[in-house]
Amino acid sequence: MKKINTIFNFAAYISMFILILGAANAFGATSLLPDDLEIRQTYKNGVGSSVGSAVIVKGRTVVMHKGDKHGYLLYRNTPLFNGDYIVTEPEARAKLSMKDGSEITMTPNSKFTINRSSYDKGKKSFSSFFKVTYGKLRFRVMKIVGRNHAYYRV
């Protein structure tokens, strides 16, 4: 009888573990993108000059330009612009390189906006303002000797 109870308890623990794991995956797998978002196949640049580009993209990552009601899949070397909104889906990762030399690494289920990024090599100045809405991002900013003005705000 004791052996049957042990087997039953073991099966109950395994079942609970599977249910909890399944529930966690179901809740964690929700997209941060609107359900009705149209993903266009042909990428079009945003407004102004590029402020950076994607270096590494693994999985489904979407970029939306400011004011657009549609998005584009992000690929390696895709240019980024001020006002761009970037979202990594579950299981996706992205590494972005900005013109000022900084790098941004996005983990799965993250979203952020490039509010403004400017870099003037001649004047040795840069400023970057980002808004992290959800998820985890790592920012690597290098301090370069001789820069007159440097602002970086997340």
Protein backbone atom coordinates (compact mmCIF):
# COMPACT_ATOMS: atom_id res chain seq x y z
CA MET A 1 0.00 0.00 0.00
CA LYS A 2 2.85 2.37 0.85
CA LYS A 3 4.37 1.78 -2.61
CA ILE A 4 1.06 2.69 -4.32
CA ASN A 5 0.83 5.94 -2.29
CA THR A 6 4.40 6.81 -3.24
CA ILE A 7 3.70 6.22 -6.94
CA PHE A 8 0.45 8.20 -6.70
CA ASN A 9 2.19 11.13 -4.97
CA PHE A 10 5.00 11.07 -7.53
CA ALA A 11 2.47 11.12 -10.40
CA ALA A 12 0.57 13.95 -8.73
CA TYR A 13 3.77 16.05 -8.38
CA ILE A 14 4.72 15.42 -11.99
CA SER A 15 1.21 16.38 -13.15
CA MET A 16 1.31 19.61 -11.12
CA PHE A 17 4.76 20.45 -12.52
CA ILE A 18 3.52 19.94 -16.09
CA LEU A 19 0.41 22.06 -15.45
CA ILE A 20 2.45 24.87 -13.89
CA LEU A 21 5.01 24.75 -16.70
CA GLY A 22 2.24 24.78 -19.31
CA ALA A 23 0.50 27.71 -17.63
CA ALA A 24 3.77 29.64 -17.40
CA ASN A 25 4.44 29.07 -21.10
CA ALA A 26 0.89 30.09 -22.01
CA PHE A 27 1.13 33.35 -20.06
CA GLY A 28 4.71 34.06 -21.12
CA ALA A 29 4.06 33.38 -24.79
CA THR A 30 1.65 36.27 -25.32
CA SER A 31 2.77 38.71 -27.95
CA LEU A 32 3.57 42.31 -27.11
CA LEU A 33 2.32 43.30 -30.56
CA PRO A 34 -1.29 44.22 -31.35
CA ASP A 35 -3.24 41.24 -32.71
CA ASP A 36 -4.33 43.16 -35.81
CA LEU A 37 -0.87 44.53 -36.70
CA GLU A 38 -0.08 44.15 -40.39
CA ILE A 39 3.49 42.99 -41.06
CA ARG A 40 4.60 44.27 -44.47
CA GLN A 41 7.05 42.29 -46.58
CA THR A 42 8.89 45.20 -48.19
CA TYR A 43 10.83 47.34 -45.71
CA LYS A 44 10.66 51.11 -46.13
CA ASN A 45 12.96 53.49 -44.30
CA GLY A 46 11.67 55.76 -41.58
CA VAL A 47 11.89 59.55 -41.56
CA GLY A 48 15.31 61.23 -41.52
CA SER A 49 18.69 59.57 -41.54
CA SER A 50 19.43 56.21 -39.97
CA VAL A 51 20.55 56.27 -36.32
CA GLY A 52 21.65 52.63 -36.19
CA SER A 53 21.04 49.14 -37.50
CA ALA A 54 20.38 45.57 -36.44
CA VAL A 55 23.57 43.54 -36.00
CA ILE A 56 22.11 40.21 -34.87
CA VAL A 57 18.47 39.08 -35.07
CA LYS A 58 17.37 35.65 -33.89
CA GLY A 59 13.68 34.86 -33.99
CA ARG A 60 10.80 37.14 -34.88
CA THR A 61 11.56 40.78 -34.13
CA VAL A 62 9.33 43.58 -35.43
CA VAL A 63 10.07 47.27 -36.01
CA MET A 64 7.42 49.95 -36.47
CA HIS A 65 8.21 53.48 -37.60
CA LYS A 66 6.67 56.41 -35.74
CA GLY A 67 3.18 57.17 -37.04
CA ASP A 68 2.83 53.92 -39.03
CA LYS A 69 0.01 51.47 -38.34
CA HIS A 70 2.03 48.53 -39.71
CA GLY A 71 5.35 46.87 -38.94
CA TYR A 72 8.27 45.16 -40.64
CA LEU A 73 10.30 42.11 -39.69
CA LEU A 74 13.73 43.12 -38.48
CA TYR A 75 16.69 41.48 -40.19
CA ARG A 76 20.46 41.90 -39.98
CA ASN A 77 21.56 45.31 -41.34
CA THR A 78 18.03 46.75 -41.23
CA PRO A 79 18.41 50.50 -40.62
CA LEU A 80 16.78 52.07 -37.55
CA PHE A 81 15.36 55.58 -37.24
CA ASN A 82 14.31 58.06 -34.57
CA GLY A 83 10.84 57.16 -33.35
CA ASP A 84 11.18 53.44 -34.17
CA TYR A 85 9.42 51.02 -31.86
CA ILE A 86 11.10 47.59 -31.66
CA VAL A 87 9.58 44.38 -30.22
CA THR A 88 11.14 40.96 -29.73
CA GLU A 89 8.65 38.11 -29.68
CA PRO A 90 8.98 35.07 -27.36
CA GLU A 91 12.18 33.15 -28.18
CA ALA A 92 13.61 36.15 -30.11
CA ARG A 93 16.73 38.18 -29.43
CA ALA A 94 18.25 41.17 -31.15
CA LYS A 95 21.45 43.18 -30.95
CA LEU A 96 21.35 46.72 -32.28
CA SER A 97 24.28 49.00 -33.04
CA MET A 98 23.82 52.76 -32.89
CA LYS A 99 25.83 55.31 -34.92
CA ASP A 100 27.51 56.62 -31.74
CA GLY A 101 29.06 53.19 -31.09
CA SER A 102 26.65 52.08 -28.35
CA GLU A 103 25.02 48.66 -28.49
CA ILE A 104 21.62 47.50 -27.30
CA THR A 105 20.87 43.83 -26.63
CA MET A 106 17.20 42.85 -26.41
CA THR A 107 16.01 39.67 -24.69
CA PRO A 108 12.80 37.79 -25.61
CA ASN A 109 9.52 39.62 -24.96
CA SER A 110 11.01 43.10 -24.86
CA LYS A 111 9.92 46.36 -26.41
CA PHE A 112 11.41 49.81 -26.52
CA THR A 113 11.37 53.04 -28.49
CA ILE A 114 14.23 55.07 -29.92
CA ASN A 115 12.87 58.45 -28.87
CA ARG A 116 15.87 60.33 -30.20
CA SER A 117 19.43 59.49 -31.08
CA SER A 118 21.88 61.88 -32.67
CA TYR A 119 25.59 61.69 -33.32
CA ASP A 120 27.84 64.38 -34.74
CA LYS A 121 31.29 63.00 -35.39
CA GLY A 122 32.72 66.41 -36.32
CA LYS A 123 31.55 68.08 -33.10
CA LYS A 124 32.32 64.96 -31.05
CA SER A 125 28.88 65.00 -29.45
CA PHE A 126 26.02 62.54 -29.11
CA SER A 127 22.73 62.22 -27.31
CA SER A 128 20.40 59.26 -27.02
CA PHE A 129 17.01 58.94 -25.35
CA PHE A 130 15.26 55.57 -25.20
CA LYS A 131 12.03 54.38 -23.61
CA VAL A 132 11.95 50.78 -22.38
CA THR A 133 8.31 49.73 -22.19
CA TYR A 134 8.69 46.07 -21.28
CA GLY A 135 11.30 43.36 -20.90
CA LYS A 136 15.05 43.33 -20.38
CA LEU A 137 17.60 45.23 -22.40
CA ARG A 138 21.31 45.70 -21.96
CA PHE A 139 22.89 48.98 -23.01
CA ARG A 140 26.62 49.17 -23.70
CA VAL A 141 27.78 52.76 -23.89
CA MET A 142 31.42 53.66 -24.38
CA LYS A 143 32.87 56.81 -22.95
CA ILE A 144 35.19 58.25 -25.53
CA VAL A 145 37.81 60.78 -24.54
CA GLY A 146 37.40 64.11 -26.26
CA ARG A 147 33.62 64.09 -26.59
CA ASN A 148 32.29 67.57 -25.94
CA HIS A 149 28.69 66.64 -25.19
CA ALA A 150 27.40 63.19 -24.33
CA TYR A 151 23.89 62.43 -23.09
CA TYR A 152 22.40 58.98 -22.72
CA ARG A 153 19.05 58.46 -21.04
CA VAL A 154 16.90 55.32 -20.73
